[in-house]
Amino acid sequence: MPSMRTERDSLGIVLVPKDALYAAQTQRAVDNFPISGERMPRGFIAALGAIKAAAAKANGELGLLGADKVDAIAKAATQVASGSLDNQFPIDVYQTGSGTSTNMNANEVIATMASRVLGKGHVHPNDDVNMCQSSNDVIPTAMHVSAAVAITTDLIPALTTLRDGLQAKSVEFDDVVKSGRTHLMDATPVRLGQEFGGYAQQIDSGIRRLRMALDELAELALGGTATGSGINRHPDFPRRAIAHLRTHTGVPFREATNHFEAQSAKDGILMAHGALNVLAVSLLKIANDIRYLSAGPTSGIAEIRLPAVQPGSSIMPGKVNPVLSEAMMMACARVMGNHTTITVCGQHGNLELNVMMPVMAQAMLQSISILAGACRAFHDRCLTGIEADRKQCRTLLELNPSIATALNAALGYDRASEVAKTAARTSMSVRETVRTMGLLTDQELDKYLDVRRMTEPGIPSA
């Protein structure tokens, strides 16, 4: 057993590890919630530290806190934000739904460190570090700050790199005409570059949606205190504290339009994760398409070749699998599961407070982190090395019966359908089938069966 010391809170005496920087309320939470062993995410703790530093500075500017305490609290809070004190945040994610335990954990650690910095007097966790605040506005503020910072500094840059990589491939593959496929069946021709251009647009749209979500995350609950009324805080506190957060993060945070909405509902978080959920669907579609297009090498589509990054089987020699696609798909599945968690949690904004915030914060930050990581890995280890098998694309396209669609204008739908069915049944090309049936001259066929033109708007031969 570690050496213990005695601490006291409003409920009485608590034994705390002697060397711990936290005090009674943190220890109570450790004792009460031995559930998962999962702690609050690093980004969330960083946001808490930034909020506490901003709050101290605002309270100093308002004349509510002496300069010596402001400086000491800000220095200690900065240590919390930096991660150097993460071992002092032992509370499980599955705790009080308001996150009060984690807020008090921060208050206690910062108070201890600030008292050491001050070298005299005493910094109180509630009266000083938590001045003009409540867990009920600090925790939702930390949720928004941590999510907005992670999206801005981690996810959007990763997505931008992936989008640009897909766009570069769309240019590289623009000359590759191949079979389109709908319902997984042969359809009219497309260019491989057009497919990759579509993927690039999906990611670009995902970035746009995230920027819209950032506008909602920029609204902060700080200043609502216990119920949204702002009791026990200076009228100018939120404006000043949020200004410091803007300076610290570079994100244009602002005070919530309505503090009752900001604390009782978590619609902004749900909306932002909705954008992540859409992005996960887009990324899974892209990863899955690339998996299909590379399927083979002899029994599948095999129109593209993926870089071989690792052996694919413990028993089949030489087998190589689309592992980066599979990793991306699993990451996306996790995000979709997180969206269900956040959706359920968002429904529990009971009266003046949502009571499922810690797990919402964890799910949100996990989604951002794994999507960013998956995008970087997919780009670096897969996308940049993709090659087109131009010969295979031509071979499959030549046998594609849907090329007969271009003959509608010359033969009509019914006769063109007969050509397509005959070509599929006999494994002949559409061109050979038309010749055999004596329907058009070679000159007319050249005019109608220009596959490159089929990949663009217009009526063949017009």
Protein backbone atom coordinates (compact mmCIF):
# COMPACT_ATOMS: atom_id res chain seq x y z
CA MET A 1 0.00 0.00 0.00
CA PRO A 2 1.26 3.51 -0.79
CA SER A 3 1.91 5.88 2.06
CA MET A 4 -1.28 7.85 2.71
CA ARG A 5 -2.21 11.25 4.08
CA THR A 6 -5.48 12.59 5.45
CA GLU A 7 -7.60 15.10 3.50
CA ARG A 8 -11.01 16.50 4.32
CA ASP A 9 -13.98 17.71 2.24
CA SER A 10 -17.62 18.52 3.06
CA LEU A 11 -18.39 14.82 3.57
CA GLY A 12 -15.55 14.20 5.97
CA ILE A 13 -12.10 12.61 6.03
CA VAL A 14 -10.53 10.80 3.05
CA LEU A 15 -7.21 8.98 2.77
CA VAL A 16 -5.18 10.16 -0.24
CA PRO A 17 -1.80 8.89 -1.53
CA LYS A 18 0.85 10.96 0.23
CA ASP A 19 2.54 12.14 -2.96
CA ALA A 20 -0.67 12.90 -4.91
CA LEU A 21 -1.23 16.49 -5.97
CA TYR A 22 -4.99 16.02 -5.82
CA ALA A 23 -7.10 15.95 -2.67
CA ALA A 24 -10.29 14.52 -1.18
CA GLN A 25 -12.83 14.96 -3.97
CA THR A 26 -10.56 13.38 -6.59
CA GLN A 27 -9.85 10.43 -4.29
CA ARG A 28 -13.55 9.91 -3.65
CA ALA A 29 -14.11 9.68 -7.41
CA VAL A 30 -11.24 7.21 -7.79
CA ASP A 31 -12.80 5.07 -5.07
CA ASN A 32 -16.36 5.40 -6.42
CA PHE A 33 -15.72 4.68 -10.09
CA PRO A 34 -13.34 1.71 -10.54
CA ILE A 35 -15.11 0.91 -13.82
CA SER A 36 -13.03 0.85 -17.00
CA GLY A 37 -9.53 2.08 -16.28
CA GLU A 38 -10.03 4.59 -19.11
CA ARG A 39 -9.14 8.15 -18.19
CA MET A 40 -10.31 11.40 -19.74
CA PRO A 41 -8.49 12.08 -23.03
CA ARG A 42 -5.29 14.12 -23.20
CA GLY A 43 -6.94 16.80 -25.34
CA PHE A 44 -9.72 17.24 -22.79
CA ILE A 45 -7.27 17.69 -19.91
CA ALA A 46 -5.32 20.17 -22.05
CA ALA A 47 -8.52 22.14 -22.61
CA LEU A 48 -9.26 22.12 -18.87
CA GLY A 49 -5.83 23.55 -18.14
CA ALA A 50 -6.30 26.28 -20.74
CA ILE A 51 -9.73 27.17 -19.32
CA LYS A 52 -8.42 27.42 -15.75
CA ALA A 53 -5.55 29.66 -16.85
CA ALA A 54 -7.94 31.88 -18.84
CA ALA A 55 -10.34 32.07 -15.90
CA ALA A 56 -7.59 33.12 -13.49
CA LYS A 57 -6.41 35.87 -15.83
CA ALA A 58 -9.98 37.13 -16.30
CA ASN A 59 -10.58 37.16 -12.55
CA GLY A 60 -7.36 39.08 -12.07
CA GLU A 61 -8.41 41.68 -14.64
CA LEU A 62 -11.73 42.04 -12.84
CA GLY A 63 -10.03 42.64 -9.49
CA LEU A 64 -11.41 39.44 -7.98
CA LEU A 65 -8.08 37.65 -7.62
CA GLY A 66 -4.74 39.00 -6.52
CA ALA A 67 -1.90 39.20 -9.03
CA ASP A 68 0.21 36.68 -7.12
CA LYS A 69 -2.56 34.08 -7.19
CA VAL A 70 -3.34 34.78 -10.83
CA ASP A 71 0.24 34.16 -11.79
CA ALA A 72 0.53 31.02 -9.68
CA ILE A 73 -2.74 29.52 -10.92
CA ALA A 74 -1.92 30.34 -14.54
CA LYS A 75 1.49 28.67 -14.26
CA ALA A 76 0.02 25.56 -12.66
CA ALA A 77 -2.82 25.41 -15.18
CA THR A 78 -0.30 25.68 -18.00
CA GLN A 79 1.46 22.61 -16.61
CA VAL A 80 -1.87 20.77 -16.68
CA ALA A 81 -2.42 21.86 -20.27
CA SER A 82 1.05 20.70 -21.29
CA GLY A 83 0.49 17.13 -20.10
CA SER A 84 3.29 17.08 -17.55
CA LEU A 85 0.78 16.37 -14.77
CA ASP A 86 -1.38 13.78 -16.56
CA ASN A 87 -0.53 11.13 -13.96
CA GLN A 88 -2.47 13.27 -11.49
CA PHE A 89 -5.75 12.76 -13.38
CA PRO A 90 -6.72 9.20 -12.40
CA ILE A 91 -10.53 9.42 -12.58
CA ASP A 92 -12.42 7.01 -14.81
CA VAL A 93 -14.36 8.28 -17.82
CA TYR A 94 -17.47 6.61 -16.39
CA GLN A 95 -18.08 8.95 -13.47
CA THR A 96 -20.50 11.66 -12.47
CA GLY A 97 -22.31 12.68 -15.65
CA SER A 98 -21.58 16.37 -15.18
CA GLY A 99 -17.84 15.72 -15.04
CA THR A 100 -17.72 17.41 -11.63
CA SER A 101 -15.13 14.91 -10.46
CA THR A 102 -12.74 15.80 -13.27
CA ASN A 103 -13.31 19.52 -12.82
CA MET A 104 -12.49 19.18 -9.11
CA ASN A 105 -9.49 17.00 -9.99
CA ALA A 106 -8.16 19.93 -12.04
CA ASN A 107 -9.02 22.43 -9.33
CA GLU A 108 -7.24 20.41 -6.65
CA VAL A 109 -4.10 19.72 -8.69
CA ILE A 110 -3.82 23.34 -9.81
CA ALA A 111 -4.42 24.61 -6.27
CA THR A 112 -1.65 22.38 -4.92
CA MET A 113 0.82 23.41 -7.60
CA ALA A 114 -0.14 27.08 -7.35
CA SER A 115 0.39 27.01 -3.59
CA ARG A 116 3.85 25.59 -4.18
CA VAL A 117 4.63 28.26 -6.78
CA LEU A 118 3.34 30.99 -4.50
CA GLY A 119 5.51 29.86 -1.64
CA LYS A 120 3.18 31.60 0.80
CA GLY A 121 -0.48 31.69 1.59
CA HIS A 122 -2.94 29.12 0.30
CA VAL A 123 -4.68 28.74 -3.06
CA HIS A 124 -8.12 27.20 -2.62
CA PRO A 125 -9.45 24.79 -5.29
CA ASN A 126 -13.02 26.14 -5.14
CA ASP A 127 -12.69 29.74 -4.01
CA ASP A 128 -9.69 30.58 -6.22
CA VAL A 129 -9.16 28.09 -9.04
CA ASN A 130 -12.90 27.58 -9.64
CA MET A 131 -13.79 31.27 -9.14
CA CYS A 132 -16.72 32.42 -11.34
CA GLN A 133 -17.09 28.86 -12.64
CA SER A 134 -19.06 25.66 -12.11
CA SER A 135 -18.39 22.16 -13.34
CA ASN A 136 -21.63 22.60 -15.25
CA ASP A 137 -20.18 25.27 -17.53
CA VAL A 138 -16.49 24.28 -17.40
CA ILE A 139 -16.98 20.70 -18.62
CA PRO A 140 -19.13 21.59 -21.66
CA THR A 141 -16.65 24.36 -22.43
CA ALA A 142 -13.79 21.87 -22.30
CA MET A 143 -15.75 19.56 -24.60
CA HIS A 144 -16.09 22.30 -27.21
CA VAL A 145 -12.56 23.64 -26.83
CA SER A 146 -10.89 20.22 -27.06
CA ALA A 147 -12.98 19.14 -30.05
CA ALA A 148 -12.51 22.40 -31.94
CA VAL A 149 -8.76 22.40 -31.37
CA ALA A 150 -8.42 18.75 -32.44
CA ILE A 151 -10.47 19.26 -35.59
CA THR A 152 -8.55 22.41 -36.49
CA THR A 153 -5.00 21.23 -35.76
CA ASP A 154 -5.20 17.49 -36.45
CA LEU A 155 -8.14 16.32 -38.56
CA ILE A 156 -8.54 19.07 -41.15
CA PRO A 157 -4.80 19.08 -42.04
CA ALA A 158 -4.91 15.27 -42.44
CA LEU A 159 -8.00 15.53 -44.63
CA THR A 160 -6.46 18.30 -46.71
CA THR A 161 -3.45 16.11 -47.46
CA LEU A 162 -5.70 13.18 -48.37
CA ARG A 163 -7.90 15.34 -50.60
CA ASP A 164 -4.90 16.75 -52.43
CA GLY A 165 -3.48 13.25 -52.89
CA LEU A 166 -6.75 12.00 -54.35
CA GLN A 167 -6.93 15.02 -56.65
CA ALA A 168 -3.37 14.35 -57.85
CA LYS A 169 -4.35 10.76 -58.67
CA SER A 170 -7.40 12.02 -60.56
CA VAL A 171 -5.08 13.99 -62.82
CA GLU A 172 -2.60 11.12 -63.15
CA PHE A 173 -5.35 8.67 -64.13
CA ASP A 174 -7.36 10.98 -66.39
CA ASP A 175 -6.27 9.09 -69.51
CA VAL A 176 -7.44 5.71 -68.20
CA VAL A 177 -10.86 4.85 -69.69
CA LYS A 178 -12.46 1.87 -67.98
CA SER A 179 -15.76 0.22 -67.20
CA GLY A 180 -18.10 2.05 -64.91
CA ARG A 181 -20.09 -0.10 -62.51
CA THR A 182 -23.50 0.34 -60.93
CA HIS A 183 -25.04 -2.33 -58.68
CA LEU A 184 -21.53 -3.89 -58.95
CA MET A 185 -22.44 -4.69 -62.59
CA ASP A 186 -20.83 -3.33 -65.76
CA ALA A 187 -22.08 0.12 -66.76
CA THR A 188 -21.09 2.80 -69.26
CA PRO A 189 -17.42 3.88 -69.36
CA VAL A 190 -15.80 6.27 -66.94
CA ARG A 191 -12.26 7.50 -66.52
CA LEU A 192 -10.32 6.25 -63.52
CA GLY A 193 -9.42 9.89 -62.94
CA GLN A 194 -13.11 10.74 -62.66
CA GLU A 195 -13.56 8.14 -59.93
CA PHE A 196 -10.64 9.54 -57.93
CA GLY A 197 -11.92 13.06 -58.54
CA GLY A 198 -15.21 11.99 -56.97
CA TYR A 199 -13.33 10.72 -53.93
CA ALA A 200 -11.46 14.02 -53.66
CA GLN A 201 -14.77 15.89 -53.74
CA GLN A 202 -16.16 13.73 -50.93
CA ILE A 203 -13.24 14.71 -48.72
CA ASP A 204 -13.50 18.37 -49.73
CA SER A 205 -17.19 18.33 -48.80
CA GLY A 206 -16.26 16.67 -45.50
CA ILE A 207 -13.84 19.50 -44.73
CA ARG A 208 -16.56 22.04 -45.53
CA ARG A 209 -18.99 20.31 -43.16
CA LEU A 210 -16.38 20.28 -40.41
CA ARG A 211 -15.86 24.02 -40.82
CA MET A 212 -19.60 24.49 -40.39
CA ALA A 213 -19.46 22.35 -37.25
CA LEU A 214 -16.57 24.43 -35.92
CA ASP A 215 -18.86 27.46 -35.92
CA GLU A 216 -21.17 25.66 -33.48
CA LEU A 217 -18.30 24.39 -31.35
CA ALA A 218 -17.01 27.97 -31.11
CA GLU A 219 -19.94 28.81 -28.79
CA LEU A 220 -18.82 28.21 -25.21
CA ALA A 221 -20.95 27.61 -22.12
CA LEU A 222 -18.42 29.32 -19.83
CA GLY A 223 -20.22 31.90 -17.70
CA GLY A 224 -23.44 29.97 -17.14
CA THR A 225 -22.14 28.55 -13.83
CA ALA A 226 -24.54 26.10 -12.13
CA THR A 227 -27.74 26.22 -14.19
CA GLY A 228 -27.14 28.76 -16.95
CA SER A 229 -28.15 31.77 -14.87
CA GLY A 230 -24.57 32.92 -14.24
CA ILE A 231 -24.95 33.09 -10.46
CA ASN A 232 -21.68 33.78 -8.56
CA ARG A 233 -19.73 35.10 -11.51
CA HIS A 234 -18.85 38.65 -12.59
CA PRO A 235 -20.97 39.89 -15.52
CA ASP A 236 -17.84 40.46 -17.61
CA PHE A 237 -16.11 37.20 -16.70
CA PRO A 238 -17.05 35.07 -19.74
CA ARG A 239 -16.09 37.74 -22.26
CA ARG A 240 -12.66 38.20 -20.73
CA ALA A 241 -11.95 34.51 -20.11
CA ILE A 242 -13.02 33.50 -23.62
CA ALA A 243 -10.80 36.22 -25.08
CA HIS A 244 -7.84 34.52 -23.40
CA LEU A 245 -8.94 31.16 -24.82
CA ARG A 246 -9.07 32.68 -28.29
CA THR A 247 -5.53 33.96 -27.90
CA HIS A 248 -4.27 30.65 -26.52
CA THR A 249 -5.84 28.38 -29.15
CA GLY A 250 -6.22 30.57 -32.23
CA VAL A 251 -9.83 29.37 -32.50
CA PRO A 252 -12.47 32.16 -32.64
CA PHE A 253 -14.43 31.10 -29.56
CA ARG A 254 -17.35 33.23 -28.37
CA GLU A 255 -19.80 33.23 -25.48
CA ALA A 256 -22.89 31.08 -25.96
CA THR A 257 -25.94 32.88 -27.29
CA ASN A 258 -28.06 31.20 -24.61
CA HIS A 259 -26.40 29.65 -21.56
CA PHE A 260 -29.42 27.51 -20.71
CA GLU A 261 -29.22 25.83 -24.10
CA ALA A 262 -25.45 25.51 -23.88
CA GLN A 263 -25.59 23.58 -20.60
CA SER A 264 -28.81 21.61 -20.80
CA ALA A 265 -28.33 20.47 -24.41
CA LYS A 266 -25.35 19.12 -26.30
CA ASP A 267 -26.71 19.73 -29.79
CA GLY A 268 -23.49 21.42 -30.95
CA ILE A 269 -21.47 18.33 -30.04
CA LEU A 270 -24.02 16.08 -31.72
CA MET A 271 -23.99 18.23 -34.85
CA ALA A 272 -20.19 18.24 -34.97
CA HIS A 273 -20.01 14.49 -34.55
CA GLY A 274 -22.67 14.22 -37.24
CA ALA A 275 -20.14 15.79 -39.59
CA LEU A 276 -17.58 13.21 -38.40
CA ASN A 277 -20.12 10.46 -39.01
CA VAL A 278 -20.72 11.62 -42.58
CA LEU A 279 -16.96 11.80 -43.07
CA ALA A 280 -16.62 8.22 -41.79
CA VAL A 281 -19.21 7.07 -44.31
CA SER A 282 -17.33 8.86 -47.10
CA LEU A 283 -13.98 7.41 -46.08
CA LEU A 284 -15.40 3.91 -45.79
CA LYS A 285 -16.86 4.20 -49.31
CA ILE A 286 -13.51 5.36 -50.69
CA ALA A 287 -11.51 2.68 -48.90
CA ASN A 288 -13.97 0.00 -49.94
CA ASP A 289 -13.97 1.12 -53.60
CA ILE A 290 -10.19 1.00 -53.70
CA ARG A 291 -10.34 -2.46 -52.18
CA TYR A 292 -12.75 -3.62 -54.91
CA LEU A 293 -10.81 -1.99 -57.75
CA SER A 294 -7.61 -3.69 -56.59
CA ALA A 295 -9.21 -7.12 -56.04
CA GLY A 296 -7.22 -9.86 -57.72
CA PRO A 297 -4.62 -10.19 -58.98
CA THR A 298 -6.18 -12.79 -61.32
CA SER A 299 -9.73 -13.40 -60.13
CA GLY A 300 -11.01 -9.89 -59.47
CA ILE A 301 -11.27 -6.47 -61.09
CA ALA A 302 -7.57 -5.64 -60.63
CA GLU A 303 -7.77 -2.29 -62.43
CA ILE A 304 -5.43 -0.71 -59.89
CA ARG A 305 -2.43 -2.02 -57.98
CA LEU A 306 -1.86 -1.13 -54.33
CA PRO A 307 1.59 -0.90 -52.78
CA ALA A 308 2.59 -4.10 -51.00
CA VAL A 309 3.22 -2.99 -47.43
CA GLN A 310 3.17 -6.32 -45.61
CA PRO A 311 2.62 -10.07 -46.22
CA GLY A 312 -1.06 -10.88 -46.32
CA SER A 313 -1.25 -14.43 -45.06
CA SER A 314 0.40 -16.75 -42.58
CA ILE A 315 -0.29 -19.73 -44.85
CA MET A 316 -0.62 -18.48 -48.46
CA PRO A 317 2.81 -17.46 -49.82
CA GLY A 318 2.99 -14.21 -51.71
CA LYS A 319 -0.51 -13.05 -50.81
CA VAL A 320 -0.87 -9.29 -50.32
CA ASN A 321 -4.02 -7.71 -48.89
CA PRO A 322 -5.55 -4.19 -48.97
CA VAL A 323 -4.67 -3.67 -45.31
CA LEU A 324 -4.78 0.13 -45.29
CA SER A 325 -8.32 0.03 -46.68
CA GLU A 326 -9.29 -2.44 -43.99
CA ALA A 327 -7.74 -0.31 -41.24
CA MET A 328 -9.60 2.74 -42.55
CA MET A 329 -12.88 0.83 -42.63
CA MET A 330 -12.48 -0.31 -39.02
CA ALA A 331 -11.70 3.24 -37.91
CA CYS A 332 -14.85 4.42 -39.66
CA ALA A 333 -16.91 1.69 -37.98
CA ARG A 334 -15.67 2.88 -34.58
CA VAL A 335 -16.69 6.46 -35.40
CA MET A 336 -20.16 5.28 -36.41
CA GLY A 337 -20.45 3.47 -33.08
CA ASN A 338 -19.31 6.61 -31.29
CA HIS A 339 -22.05 8.53 -33.07
CA THR A 340 -24.63 6.21 -31.56
CA THR A 341 -23.09 6.78 -28.12
CA ILE A 342 -23.16 10.56 -28.56
CA THR A 343 -26.72 10.45 -29.90
CA VAL A 344 -27.94 8.56 -26.83
CA CYS A 345 -25.97 10.82 -24.48
CA GLY A 346 -27.32 13.92 -26.18
CA GLN A 347 -30.86 12.84 -25.28
CA HIS A 348 -30.05 13.13 -21.57
CA GLY A 349 -30.00 16.87 -21.22
CA ASN A 350 -32.34 16.58 -18.26
CA LEU A 351 -33.84 19.94 -17.33
CA GLU A 352 -30.86 22.32 -16.78
CA LEU A 353 -27.94 19.93 -17.32
CA ASN A 354 -26.77 17.11 -19.56
CA VAL A 355 -25.60 14.25 -17.33
CA MET A 356 -23.60 12.11 -19.77
CA MET A 357 -20.83 14.52 -20.77
CA PRO A 358 -17.59 12.66 -19.94
CA VAL A 359 -18.26 9.75 -22.29
CA MET A 360 -19.44 12.18 -24.98
CA ALA A 361 -16.12 13.99 -24.71
CA GLN A 362 -14.18 10.73 -24.90
CA ALA A 363 -16.13 9.47 -27.93
CA MET A 364 -15.81 12.81 -29.73
CA LEU A 365 -12.06 13.09 -29.26
CA GLN A 366 -11.49 9.44 -30.13
CA SER A 367 -13.37 9.88 -33.41
CA ILE A 368 -11.33 12.92 -34.36
CA SER A 369 -8.07 11.22 -33.46
CA ILE A 370 -8.62 7.92 -35.26
CA LEU A 371 -10.00 9.56 -38.39
CA ALA A 372 -6.97 11.83 -38.58
CA GLY A 373 -4.59 8.93 -37.99
CA ALA A 374 -6.34 6.68 -40.50
CA CYS A 375 -6.28 9.41 -43.16
CA ARG A 376 -2.57 10.00 -42.68
CA ALA A 377 -1.73 6.29 -42.82
CA PHE A 378 -3.96 5.70 -45.86
CA HIS A 379 -2.42 8.60 -47.73
CA ASP A 380 1.20 7.84 -46.88
CA ARG A 381 1.16 4.04 -47.06
CA CYS A 382 -1.44 3.39 -49.74
CA LEU A 383 -2.72 6.26 -51.86
CA THR A 384 0.60 7.67 -53.00
CA GLY A 385 1.68 4.26 -54.32
CA ILE A 386 -1.49 3.32 -56.22
CA GLU A 387 -0.88 2.48 -59.89
CA ALA A 388 -3.35 1.96 -62.72
CA ASP A 389 -3.26 -1.28 -64.70
CA ARG A 390 -4.07 0.31 -68.04
CA LYS A 391 -4.00 -2.99 -69.94
CA GLN A 392 -6.52 -4.58 -67.56
CA CYS A 393 -8.78 -1.52 -67.79
CA ARG A 394 -8.77 -1.77 -71.62
CA THR A 395 -9.38 -5.53 -71.59
CA LEU A 396 -12.39 -5.34 -69.28
CA LEU A 397 -13.80 -2.30 -71.06
CA GLU A 398 -13.58 -4.03 -74.43
CA LEU A 399 -15.85 -6.82 -73.13
CA ASN A 400 -18.29 -4.48 -71.37
CA PRO A 401 -21.74 -4.96 -72.96
CA SER A 402 -22.98 -1.63 -71.56
CA ILE A 403 -20.95 0.12 -74.26
CA ALA A 404 -24.01 -0.64 -76.38
CA THR A 405 -25.68 2.29 -74.59
CA ALA A 406 -23.88 4.55 -77.06
CA LEU A 407 -25.81 2.89 -79.89
CA ASN A 408 -29.22 4.04 -78.63
CA ALA A 409 -29.18 7.05 -80.93
CA ALA A 410 -28.35 4.90 -83.98
CA LEU A 411 -30.27 1.68 -83.32
CA GLY A 412 -32.83 2.52 -80.64
CA TYR A 413 -33.00 1.06 -77.14
CA ASP A 414 -34.53 -2.31 -78.13
CA ARG A 415 -31.99 -3.16 -80.84
CA ALA A 416 -29.09 -1.84 -78.69
CA SER A 417 -30.34 -4.06 -75.86
CA GLU A 418 -30.26 -7.05 -78.21
CA VAL A 419 -26.66 -6.18 -79.08
CA ALA A 420 -25.71 -5.96 -75.39
CA LYS A 421 -27.31 -9.28 -74.52
CA THR A 422 -25.69 -11.02 -77.47
CA ALA A 423 -22.29 -9.57 -76.59
CA ALA A 424 -22.61 -10.76 -72.97
CA ARG A 425 -23.79 -14.22 -74.01
CA THR A 426 -21.05 -14.78 -76.60
CA SER A 427 -18.23 -12.97 -74.74
CA MET A 428 -17.67 -10.83 -77.82
CA SER A 429 -17.10 -7.10 -77.78
CA VAL A 430 -19.98 -4.81 -78.70
CA ARG A 431 -18.05 -3.76 -81.80
CA GLU A 432 -17.63 -7.38 -82.94
CA THR A 433 -21.27 -8.15 -82.16
CA VAL A 434 -22.55 -5.24 -84.27
CA ARG A 435 -20.31 -6.31 -87.13
CA THR A 436 -21.56 -9.88 -86.90
CA MET A 437 -25.16 -8.72 -86.86
CA GLY A 438 -24.46 -6.41 -89.82
CA LEU A 439 -26.08 -3.40 -88.18
CA LEU A 440 -23.48 -0.63 -88.78
CA THR A 441 -20.40 -0.01 -90.91
CA ASP A 442 -16.92 0.23 -89.38
CA GLN A 443 -16.96 3.97 -90.04
CA GLU A 444 -20.25 4.33 -88.15
CA LEU A 445 -18.94 2.16 -85.33
CA ASP A 446 -15.88 4.39 -84.99
CA LYS A 447 -18.20 7.34 -84.70
CA TYR A 448 -20.51 5.83 -82.08
CA LEU A 449 -18.10 3.74 -80.02
CA ASP A 450 -15.58 6.40 -79.02
CA VAL A 451 -15.20 5.31 -75.39
CA ARG A 452 -13.44 8.48 -74.30
CA ARG A 453 -16.38 10.57 -75.47
CA MET A 454 -18.70 8.26 -73.55
CA THR A 455 -17.13 9.54 -70.33
CA GLU A 456 -18.38 13.08 -70.98
CA PRO A 457 -21.82 14.67 -71.39
CA GLY A 458 -23.34 14.50 -74.85
CA ILE A 459 -24.95 12.15 -77.33
CA PRO A 460 -22.47 9.85 -79.14
CA SER A 461 -21.92 10.83 -82.81
CA ALA A 462 -23.73 14.17 -82.33
